[in-house]
Amino acid sequence: MAQKLPLHQGFIFGRNGYFFDNTDTPIALFGVREFELLCTHLDALFESPMGRKLIYAGTDAEELVLSNHVMFRRPRFFGGKKIQVRLNARCISMGWGIFSLQNNHIMMPCHDAWSVGVALAHKEYLTQERWTMGWQQRSLERVDLDFEQKSEPMASVQKPPHLQWGADGESDTIQGEIDLELEARSYGFFRGQQRSFFVHISAFYQLYNALIGRPLYGQTSWLRDWHVEGTSSNECQLFASVAYAAKQGFQDSETPVFVQHSSDWAELFHIHLSQRGLGHVSMKSSLLDDDDATEFSVHSPLPALTCGILAGMFERGHGQSPIITVTIHPSKVLMSLNFHSVDYAVKT
């Protein structure tokens, strides 16, 4: 039986790289800096700012959890304080920080926009009213909130449609769990040397549906290295955008990648993907084995993000920027990586 921190009792960290919190909600694990880099690079790709879209993605994803799980069922008369206690415990177990909605602030937020979005969901759930929210980050340790009541009634949030990105495998049967080494803090937890937190898988799809079809900003020469096929052109472009942002975020990190033999990839898959709730990957071929290309079979709840991290690891391990072909299938994604060919023709 895998050992867990007391605050993560009821969570499932599957060996196949699928994670669930204690409400059975699919989640993924991110380092604070890693998530910030991902959001920064993704935001830079689109003409319209992404900030509010991320906030509302977090709000809608969390509201779906609260409205559908018996743990947070609102009592008819008394017991509101018990729900508040459970929400506070949830924030810490998920690594989001310490929320004080009575005093309208968040202490030790994991990410400003994400924590603010979740706080809005909690405020609306507790009051059963809609609110307009403003916020100001006083410091890295504190975000102040300002709520203004809306006149509109509460309406149920709809589950976002999953884009056809080969993520059907998220219902895979969990066969055993991994020991996830997390270190508890009063406001969340650390993984290794980095503060980390959990994000709903559905929040990404809320965000994707807000971004799909939006015009990209400025130069898009990077798209020449990403060939995505198997779904609509808008979805292919968004897939490439998310993957590219994840790749750039990985390149901005100092994560070492040493690949001398194709067998070295198995440990990299485990550490950087399966131990984060990003699914599992198998290798079909490798340039290191004198194959024509390196090909990965990706089974992930977030295939675009996983492909981007793989591309970043590949570039760091090989020391060259690859050309990437992604083929989306119903329950998996095939990813092929190769290098630009060099024309050595001699002029006469």
Protein backbone atom coordinates (compact mmCIF):
# COMPACT_ATOMS: atom_id res chain seq x y z
CA MET A 1 0.00 0.00 0.00
CA ALA A 2 1.46 3.34 -1.03
CA GLN A 3 2.17 5.72 1.83
CA LYS A 4 0.52 9.16 1.77
CA LEU A 5 0.60 12.29 3.85
CA PRO A 6 -2.39 12.53 6.22
CA LEU A 7 -3.74 15.42 4.16
CA HIS A 8 -3.79 13.18 1.07
CA GLN A 9 -5.75 10.29 2.51
CA GLY A 10 -8.37 9.30 -0.04
CA PHE A 11 -6.28 10.53 -2.98
CA ILE A 12 -5.28 8.01 -5.65
CA PHE A 13 -1.87 8.23 -7.32
CA GLY A 14 -2.08 5.49 -9.93
CA ARG A 15 0.92 3.69 -11.34
CA ASN A 16 -0.40 4.38 -14.81
CA GLY A 17 -0.05 8.13 -14.23
CA TYR A 18 -3.68 8.93 -13.51
CA PHE A 19 -4.32 10.85 -10.27
CA PHE A 20 -7.59 11.52 -8.41
CA ASP A 21 -8.29 13.60 -5.32
CA ASN A 22 -10.53 12.45 -2.46
CA THR A 23 -13.63 13.50 -4.43
CA ASP A 24 -12.62 11.20 -7.33
CA THR A 25 -11.81 14.24 -9.46
CA PRO A 26 -8.98 13.72 -12.02
CA ILE A 27 -6.03 15.95 -11.12
CA ALA A 28 -2.42 16.62 -12.13
CA LEU A 29 0.54 17.79 -10.06
CA PHE A 30 2.47 20.96 -10.91
CA GLY A 31 5.37 22.82 -9.42
CA VAL A 32 4.59 26.47 -8.71
CA ARG A 33 7.30 27.80 -11.03
CA GLU A 34 6.51 25.22 -13.69
CA PHE A 35 2.84 26.22 -13.77
CA GLU A 36 3.76 29.90 -13.92
CA LEU A 37 6.09 29.28 -16.88
CA LEU A 38 3.43 27.26 -18.70
CA CYS A 39 0.82 29.99 -18.25
CA THR A 40 3.27 32.75 -19.23
CA HIS A 41 4.28 31.03 -22.46
CA LEU A 42 0.71 30.09 -23.35
CA ASP A 43 -0.53 33.61 -22.69
CA ALA A 44 2.20 35.06 -24.93
CA LEU A 45 0.94 33.02 -27.91
CA PHE A 46 -2.52 34.61 -28.09
CA GLU A 47 -3.58 38.13 -28.98
CA SER A 48 -6.09 38.39 -26.12
CA PRO A 49 -4.88 38.05 -22.50
CA MET A 50 -5.45 34.71 -20.82
CA GLY A 51 -5.59 35.81 -17.16
CA ARG A 52 -9.35 36.02 -16.67
CA LYS A 53 -9.86 32.85 -18.69
CA LEU A 54 -7.59 30.95 -16.30
CA ILE A 55 -9.41 32.39 -13.27
CA TYR A 56 -12.81 31.31 -14.56
CA ALA A 57 -11.48 27.91 -15.63
CA GLY A 58 -10.46 27.33 -12.02
CA THR A 59 -13.78 28.67 -10.74
CA ASP A 60 -15.89 26.46 -13.00
CA ALA A 61 -13.81 23.34 -12.41
CA GLU A 62 -13.99 23.71 -8.63
CA GLU A 63 -17.70 24.53 -8.67
CA LEU A 64 -18.36 21.27 -10.50
CA VAL A 65 -16.60 19.38 -7.71
CA LEU A 66 -18.41 21.17 -4.88
CA SER A 67 -21.86 20.85 -6.43
CA ASN A 68 -21.54 17.15 -7.24
CA HIS A 69 -19.84 15.56 -4.23
CA VAL A 70 -21.59 14.48 -1.05
CA MET A 71 -18.69 15.76 1.09
CA PHE A 72 -19.75 19.33 0.35
CA ARG A 73 -23.49 18.87 0.32
CA ARG A 74 -25.07 21.88 1.96
CA PRO A 75 -27.25 21.18 5.01
CA ARG A 76 -30.84 22.45 4.91
CA PHE A 77 -30.57 24.37 8.19
CA PHE A 78 -27.27 24.30 10.09
CA GLY A 79 -23.81 22.97 9.37
CA GLY A 80 -22.40 25.71 7.15
CA LYS A 81 -19.33 25.98 9.39
CA LYS A 82 -18.59 22.30 8.84
CA ILE A 83 -18.59 22.87 5.08
CA GLN A 84 -16.26 25.84 5.54
CA VAL A 85 -13.85 23.67 7.54
CA ARG A 86 -13.87 21.05 4.79
CA LEU A 87 -13.22 23.67 2.12
CA ASN A 88 -10.29 25.06 4.10
CA ALA A 89 -8.84 21.56 4.49
CA ARG A 90 -9.33 20.96 0.77
CA CYS A 91 -7.34 24.08 -0.11
CA ILE A 92 -4.37 22.90 1.94
CA SER A 93 -4.50 19.29 0.72
CA MET A 94 -4.59 20.53 -2.88
CA GLY A 95 -1.72 22.93 -2.17
CA TRP A 96 -3.63 26.12 -3.05
CA GLY A 97 -2.87 28.13 0.10
CA ILE A 98 -4.87 29.35 3.11
CA PHE A 99 -8.17 30.96 2.17
CA SER A 100 -9.91 33.41 4.49
CA LEU A 101 -13.11 34.43 2.74
CA GLN A 102 -14.41 36.11 5.89
CA ASN A 103 -11.45 38.49 5.75
CA ASN A 104 -11.28 38.50 1.94
CA HIS A 105 -7.71 37.37 1.45
CA ILE A 106 -5.56 34.38 0.53
CA MET A 107 -2.31 33.65 2.32
CA MET A 108 0.48 31.76 0.56
CA PRO A 109 -1.33 31.37 -2.79
CA CYS A 110 0.17 28.74 -5.07
CA HIS A 111 -0.54 30.88 -8.15
CA ASP A 112 -2.35 34.19 -8.10
CA ALA A 113 -4.91 33.59 -10.86
CA TRP A 114 -5.52 29.95 -9.97
CA SER A 115 -6.01 30.56 -6.24
CA VAL A 116 -8.28 33.54 -6.95
CA GLY A 117 -10.42 31.44 -9.28
CA VAL A 118 -10.88 28.71 -6.69
CA ALA A 119 -11.65 31.31 -4.00
CA LEU A 120 -14.45 32.69 -6.16
CA ALA A 121 -15.93 29.20 -6.49
CA HIS A 122 -15.85 28.75 -2.71
CA LYS A 123 -17.42 32.16 -2.08
CA GLU A 124 -20.26 31.51 -4.50
CA TYR A 125 -20.85 28.01 -3.19
CA LEU A 126 -21.01 29.11 0.45
CA THR A 127 -23.31 32.06 -0.24
CA GLN A 128 -25.26 30.53 -3.13
CA GLU A 129 -24.92 33.88 -4.89
CA ARG A 130 -22.94 35.12 -7.86
CA TRP A 131 -20.18 37.68 -7.30
CA THR A 132 -17.96 39.92 -9.35
CA MET A 133 -14.46 39.73 -7.96
CA GLY A 134 -11.47 42.01 -8.01
CA TRP A 135 -8.14 41.16 -6.49
CA GLN A 136 -4.75 42.65 -5.71
CA GLN A 137 -1.55 40.76 -4.97
CA ARG A 138 0.00 42.58 -2.02
CA SER A 139 3.03 40.30 -1.95
CA LEU A 140 4.05 36.78 -2.88
CA GLU A 141 2.44 35.66 0.38
CA ARG A 142 -0.88 37.52 0.19
CA VAL A 143 -3.69 38.26 -2.25
CA ASP A 144 -6.52 40.60 -1.22
CA LEU A 145 -10.00 39.96 -2.62
CA ASP A 146 -12.89 42.31 -3.29
CA PHE A 147 -16.37 40.92 -3.92
CA GLU A 148 -19.38 42.73 -5.37
CA GLN A 149 -22.68 40.90 -5.46
CA LYS A 150 -24.35 40.22 -8.82
CA SER A 151 -28.08 40.23 -9.36
CA GLU A 152 -28.10 37.15 -11.57
CA PRO A 153 -29.26 33.82 -10.09
CA MET A 154 -27.02 30.81 -9.56
CA ALA A 155 -26.89 28.61 -12.65
CA SER A 156 -25.25 25.22 -12.82
CA VAL A 157 -21.83 25.04 -14.43
CA GLN A 158 -21.68 22.63 -17.33
CA LYS A 159 -18.93 20.05 -17.62
CA PRO A 160 -16.61 21.15 -20.43
CA PRO A 161 -16.53 19.00 -23.55
CA HIS A 162 -13.25 17.15 -23.90
CA LEU A 163 -11.58 18.03 -27.14
CA GLN A 164 -10.85 15.01 -29.33
CA TRP A 165 -7.22 14.79 -28.27
CA GLY A 166 -6.82 11.09 -27.58
CA ALA A 167 -7.54 11.43 -23.86
CA ASP A 168 -10.21 8.72 -23.60
CA GLY A 169 -7.78 6.69 -21.52
CA GLU A 170 -8.43 8.74 -18.38
CA SER A 171 -10.94 6.06 -17.36
CA ASP A 172 -8.15 3.47 -17.31
CA THR A 173 -8.37 1.04 -14.42
CA ILE A 174 -5.96 1.95 -11.64
CA GLN A 175 -3.75 -1.07 -10.94
CA GLY A 176 -1.66 -0.17 -7.93
CA GLU A 177 -0.39 3.16 -6.65
CA ILE A 178 2.96 4.90 -6.50
CA ASP A 179 4.68 6.34 -3.44
CA LEU A 180 4.60 10.06 -4.12
CA GLU A 181 7.17 11.80 -1.93
CA LEU A 182 5.51 15.01 -0.79
CA GLU A 183 6.51 17.13 2.20
CA ALA A 184 3.68 18.80 4.11
CA ARG A 185 3.52 22.49 5.02
CA SER A 186 0.82 24.42 6.89
CA TYR A 187 -0.34 25.92 3.58
CA GLY A 188 0.25 22.96 1.23
CA PHE A 189 3.21 20.77 0.34
CA PHE A 190 6.51 20.47 -1.50
CA ARG A 191 7.67 17.92 -4.04
CA GLY A 192 11.44 17.82 -3.84
CA GLN A 193 12.72 21.39 -3.64
CA GLN A 194 9.67 22.97 -5.23
CA ARG A 195 6.34 23.95 -3.79
CA SER A 196 3.66 22.11 -5.74
CA PHE A 197 -0.11 21.87 -6.05
CA PHE A 198 -2.85 19.92 -7.79
CA VAL A 199 -4.91 21.23 -10.72
CA HIS A 200 -8.20 19.77 -11.98
CA ILE A 201 -7.88 18.11 -15.37
CA SER A 202 -11.24 19.64 -16.29
CA ALA A 203 -9.88 23.15 -15.67
CA PHE A 204 -7.56 22.71 -18.63
CA TYR A 205 -10.50 21.80 -20.83
CA GLN A 206 -12.43 24.81 -19.54
CA LEU A 207 -9.43 26.90 -20.55
CA TYR A 208 -9.00 25.17 -23.90
CA ASN A 209 -12.61 25.82 -24.82
CA ALA A 210 -12.10 29.50 -24.01
CA LEU A 211 -8.97 29.66 -26.20
CA ILE A 212 -9.95 27.56 -29.21
CA GLY A 213 -10.19 29.59 -32.41
CA ARG A 214 -8.55 32.66 -30.85
CA PRO A 215 -5.98 34.34 -33.10
CA LEU A 216 -2.33 33.75 -32.31
CA TYR A 217 -0.06 36.69 -31.68
CA GLY A 218 2.67 37.92 -34.00
CA GLN A 219 5.26 35.52 -35.36
CA THR A 220 4.17 31.89 -35.54
CA SER A 221 7.30 30.45 -37.15
CA TRP A 222 7.43 27.86 -34.36
CA LEU A 223 4.36 26.18 -35.90
CA ARG A 224 6.56 24.90 -38.73
CA ASP A 225 8.10 22.41 -36.31
CA TRP A 226 4.74 21.11 -35.04
CA HIS A 227 2.61 18.98 -37.34
CA VAL A 228 -0.62 17.91 -35.62
CA GLU A 229 -3.23 15.83 -37.40
CA GLY A 230 -6.27 13.74 -36.58
CA THR A 231 -8.84 16.39 -35.64
CA SER A 232 -10.13 19.80 -36.78
CA SER A 233 -7.70 22.54 -37.83
CA ASN A 234 -8.66 24.74 -34.85
CA GLU A 235 -8.09 21.89 -32.42
CA CYS A 236 -4.79 20.99 -34.08
CA GLN A 237 -3.56 24.57 -33.76
CA LEU A 238 -4.59 24.77 -30.12
CA PHE A 239 -2.96 21.39 -29.41
CA ALA A 240 0.28 22.67 -30.96
CA SER A 241 0.04 25.92 -28.97
CA VAL A 242 -0.39 24.16 -25.62
CA ALA A 243 2.39 21.68 -26.44
CA TYR A 244 4.75 24.44 -27.56
CA ALA A 245 4.08 26.45 -24.38
CA ALA A 246 4.79 23.35 -22.25
CA LYS A 247 7.98 22.71 -24.21
CA GLN A 248 9.18 26.29 -23.71
CA GLY A 249 8.34 26.10 -20.03
CA PHE A 250 10.43 22.96 -19.71
CA GLN A 251 13.29 24.60 -21.59
CA ASP A 252 13.21 27.48 -19.09
CA SER A 253 13.69 25.03 -16.24
CA GLU A 254 17.01 23.61 -15.09
CA THR A 255 15.78 20.01 -15.13
CA PRO A 256 18.62 17.72 -16.26
CA VAL A 257 17.94 15.16 -18.98
CA PHE A 258 20.61 12.56 -19.74
CA VAL A 259 19.81 10.12 -22.54
CA GLN A 260 22.53 7.80 -23.79
CA HIS A 261 20.42 4.73 -24.50
CA SER A 262 16.78 4.37 -25.47
CA SER A 263 16.18 2.49 -22.21
CA ASP A 264 17.01 5.69 -20.30
CA TRP A 265 13.65 7.15 -21.32
CA ALA A 266 11.63 4.83 -19.04
CA GLU A 267 12.88 6.55 -15.87
CA LEU A 268 12.29 9.99 -17.40
CA PHE A 269 8.71 9.04 -18.23
CA HIS A 270 8.18 7.91 -14.65
CA ILE A 271 9.66 10.96 -12.93
CA HIS A 272 8.38 13.76 -15.15
CA LEU A 273 5.03 12.35 -16.27
CA SER A 274 3.64 9.36 -14.34
CA GLN A 275 4.61 10.84 -10.96
CA ARG A 276 2.69 13.98 -11.88
CA GLY A 277 -0.63 12.54 -13.02
CA LEU A 278 0.19 13.13 -16.68
CA GLY A 279 -0.31 9.55 -17.81
CA HIS A 280 2.17 7.05 -19.17
CA VAL A 281 4.28 6.81 -22.32
CA SER A 282 5.83 3.91 -24.18
CA MET A 283 8.62 4.10 -26.73
CA LYS A 284 7.98 2.65 -30.17
CA SER A 285 11.32 3.52 -31.79
CA SER A 286 14.39 5.62 -31.09
CA LEU A 287 17.06 7.51 -32.99
CA LEU A 288 19.46 6.07 -30.43
CA ASP A 289 18.68 2.62 -31.83
CA ASP A 290 19.36 3.82 -35.41
CA ASP A 291 15.65 4.07 -36.19
CA ASP A 292 14.44 6.75 -38.57
CA ALA A 293 12.74 8.69 -35.76
CA THR A 294 11.95 8.57 -32.07
CA GLU A 295 8.30 7.67 -31.59
CA PHE A 296 6.31 7.82 -28.36
CA SER A 297 2.86 6.42 -27.67
CA VAL A 298 1.22 8.85 -25.24
CA HIS A 299 -1.67 7.89 -22.94
CA SER A 300 -2.51 10.97 -20.91
CA PRO A 301 -5.46 12.96 -19.53
CA LEU A 302 -3.65 16.05 -20.90
CA PRO A 303 -2.00 14.86 -24.13
CA ALA A 304 -0.96 18.27 -25.49
CA LEU A 305 0.82 19.21 -22.29
CA THR A 306 2.47 15.80 -22.03
CA CYS A 307 3.69 16.01 -25.64
CA GLY A 308 5.19 19.44 -24.93
CA ILE A 309 7.12 18.16 -21.92
CA LEU A 310 8.34 15.20 -23.98
CA ALA A 311 9.53 17.56 -26.72
CA GLY A 312 11.37 19.65 -24.14
CA MET A 313 13.05 16.58 -22.66
CA PHE A 314 13.96 15.32 -26.12
CA GLU A 315 15.57 18.63 -27.09
CA ARG A 316 17.54 18.83 -23.86
CA GLY A 317 18.61 15.19 -24.07
CA HIS A 318 19.70 15.38 -27.72
CA GLY A 319 20.90 18.98 -27.79
CA GLN A 320 18.91 19.82 -30.94
CA SER A 321 15.50 21.27 -31.67
CA PRO A 322 13.27 18.57 -33.24
CA ILE A 323 10.58 18.49 -35.87
CA ILE A 324 7.50 16.97 -34.26
CA THR A 325 4.61 15.08 -35.82
CA VAL A 326 1.61 14.32 -33.62
CA THR A 327 -1.16 11.97 -34.76
CA ILE A 328 -4.26 11.97 -32.58
CA HIS A 329 -6.11 8.67 -32.18
CA PRO A 330 -9.29 8.02 -30.12
CA SER A 331 -7.48 6.80 -27.00
CA LYS A 332 -3.84 7.76 -27.50
CA VAL A 333 -1.48 10.13 -29.28
CA LEU A 334 1.48 9.04 -31.38
CA MET A 335 4.37 11.49 -31.34
CA SER A 336 7.29 11.25 -33.77
CA LEU A 337 10.43 13.37 -33.38
CA ASN A 338 13.26 13.87 -35.82
CA PHE A 339 15.79 16.52 -36.78
CA HIS A 340 15.94 19.00 -39.62
CA SER A 341 17.78 17.51 -42.58
CA VAL A 342 20.97 19.26 -43.66
CA ASP A 343 21.68 19.87 -47.31
CA TYR A 344 25.35 19.24 -47.92
CA ALA A 345 25.16 19.83 -51.68
CA VAL A 346 28.34 21.45 -52.98
CA LYS A 347 27.99 24.31 -55.41
CA THR A 348 30.00 23.89 -58.63
